[in-house]
Amino acid sequence: MEKQTLNVPNISCGHCVTAIKNELNELKGVASVDGDPGTKTVTVEWDEPASLEQIRSKLKEINYPAE
């Protein structure tokens, strides 16, 4: 299991976090997603077939690009 915390500057509220959770949880292999609007971070845990590249791509696609 891999785990990464990403900086996502576009997060401004709990609704943003919910949208990100809903989208990332659709990726096969993603085990958990947690976000914090205060620190503007998203922490993701995943196994194969998900990858960090796939997660970053999905975030960019939904207008929450990670730095």
C-alpha atoms as a PDB file:
ATOM      1  CA  MET A   1       0.000   0.000   0.000  1.00  0.00           C
ATOM      2  CA  GLU A   2       1.323   3.415  -0.929  1.00  0.00           C
ATOM      3  CA  LYS A   3       0.383   6.688   0.743  1.00  0.00           C
ATOM      4  CA  GLN A   4       0.972  10.249  -0.415  1.00  0.00           C
ATOM      5  CA  THR A   5      -0.111  13.685   0.785  1.00  0.00           C
ATOM      6  CA  LEU A   6      -0.561  16.154  -2.056  1.00  0.00           C
ATOM      7  CA  ASN A   7      -0.872  19.942  -1.948  1.00  0.00           C
ATOM      8  CA  VAL A   8      -4.049  20.985  -3.756  1.00  0.00           C
ATOM      9  CA  PRO A   9      -4.343  24.811  -3.649  1.00  0.00           C
ATOM     10  CA  ASN A  10      -7.879  24.874  -5.152  1.00  0.00           C
ATOM     11  CA  ILE A  11      -9.437  23.255  -2.059  1.00  0.00           C
ATOM     12  CA  SER A  12     -11.490  25.875  -0.247  1.00  0.00           C
ATOM     13  CA  CYS A  13     -14.160  23.940   1.681  1.00  0.00           C
ATOM     14  CA  GLY A  14     -15.590  20.598   2.687  1.00  0.00           C
ATOM     15  CA  HIS A  15     -17.550  20.374  -0.555  1.00  0.00           C
ATOM     16  CA  CYS A  16     -14.258  20.421  -2.473  1.00  0.00           C
ATOM     17  CA  VAL A  17     -12.961  17.556  -0.340  1.00  0.00           C
ATOM     18  CA  THR A  18     -16.163  15.560  -0.929  1.00  0.00           C
ATOM     19  CA  ALA A  19     -15.892  16.057  -4.703  1.00  0.00           C
ATOM     20  CA  ILE A  20     -12.260  14.912  -4.656  1.00  0.00           C
ATOM     21  CA  LYS A  21     -13.093  11.866  -2.489  1.00  0.00           C
ATOM     22  CA  ASN A  22     -15.947  10.852  -4.796  1.00  0.00           C
ATOM     23  CA  GLU A  23     -13.797  11.092  -7.922  1.00  0.00           C
ATOM     24  CA  LEU A  24     -10.654   9.428  -6.551  1.00  0.00           C
ATOM     25  CA  ASN A  25     -12.598   6.595  -4.923  1.00  0.00           C
ATOM     26  CA  GLU A  26     -13.788   5.623  -8.419  1.00  0.00           C
ATOM     27  CA  LEU A  27     -10.205   4.741  -9.369  1.00  0.00           C
ATOM     28  CA  LYS A  28      -9.550   1.025  -9.042  1.00  0.00           C
ATOM     29  CA  GLY A  29      -7.014   0.415  -6.275  1.00  0.00           C
ATOM     30  CA  VAL A  30      -7.640   3.597  -4.261  1.00  0.00           C
ATOM     31  CA  ALA A  31      -8.196   2.513  -0.642  1.00  0.00           C
ATOM     32  CA  SER A  32      -8.760   5.838   1.122  1.00  0.00           C
ATOM     33  CA  VAL A  33      -8.907   9.561   0.461  1.00  0.00           C
ATOM     34  CA  ASP A  34      -8.853  12.285   3.088  1.00  0.00           C
ATOM     35  CA  GLY A  35      -8.691  16.029   2.558  1.00  0.00           C
ATOM     36  CA  ASP A  36      -8.168  19.113   4.682  1.00  0.00           C
ATOM     37  CA  PRO A  37      -9.326  22.509   3.390  1.00  0.00           C
ATOM     38  CA  GLY A  38      -7.331  24.242   6.140  1.00  0.00           C
ATOM     39  CA  THR A  39      -3.973  22.915   4.928  1.00  0.00           C
ATOM     40  CA  LYS A  40      -5.164  22.485   1.318  1.00  0.00           C
ATOM     41  CA  THR A  41      -3.935  18.891   1.246  1.00  0.00           C
ATOM     42  CA  VAL A  42      -5.300  15.538   0.138  1.00  0.00           C
ATOM     43  CA  THR A  43      -3.920  12.261   1.489  1.00  0.00           C
ATOM     44  CA  VAL A  44      -4.460   9.199  -0.680  1.00  0.00           C
ATOM     45  CA  GLU A  45      -3.710   5.525   0.008  1.00  0.00           C
ATOM     46  CA  TRP A  46      -3.681   3.090  -2.899  1.00  0.00           C
ATOM     47  CA  ASP A  47      -2.524  -0.234  -4.274  1.00  0.00           C
ATOM     48  CA  GLU A  48      -2.146  -1.389  -7.840  1.00  0.00           C
ATOM     49  CA  PRO A  49      -3.592  -0.892 -10.362  1.00  0.00           C
ATOM     50  CA  ALA A  50      -3.852   2.748  -9.159  1.00  0.00           C
ATOM     51  CA  SER A  51      -0.745   4.920  -9.440  1.00  0.00           C
ATOM     52  CA  LEU A  52       0.327   8.366  -8.271  1.00  0.00           C
ATOM     53  CA  GLU A  53       0.363   9.477 -11.908  1.00  0.00           C
ATOM     54  CA  GLN A  54      -3.241   8.304 -12.347  1.00  0.00           C
ATOM     55  CA  ILE A  55      -4.318  10.099  -9.146  1.00  0.00           C
ATOM     56  CA  ARG A  56      -2.604  13.345 -10.207  1.00  0.00           C
ATOM     57  CA  SER A  57      -4.202  13.069 -13.640  1.00  0.00           C
ATOM     58  CA  LYS A  58      -7.693  12.648 -12.149  1.00  0.00           C
ATOM     59  CA  LEU A  59      -7.163  15.642  -9.838  1.00  0.00           C
ATOM     60  CA  LYS A  60      -6.136  17.779 -12.810  1.00  0.00           C
ATOM     61  CA  GLU A  61      -9.119  16.536 -14.825  1.00  0.00           C
ATOM     62  CA  ILE A  62     -11.567  17.659 -12.095  1.00  0.00           C
ATOM     63  CA  ASN A  63      -9.859  21.076 -11.684  1.00  0.00           C
ATOM     64  CA  TYR A  64      -8.047  20.309  -8.432  1.00  0.00           C
ATOM     65  CA  PRO A  65      -4.470  19.963  -9.745  1.00  0.00           C
ATOM     66  CA  ALA A  66      -1.875  18.875  -7.201  1.00  0.00           C
ATOM     67  CA  GLU A  67       1.383  20.783  -6.898  1.00  0.00           C
END
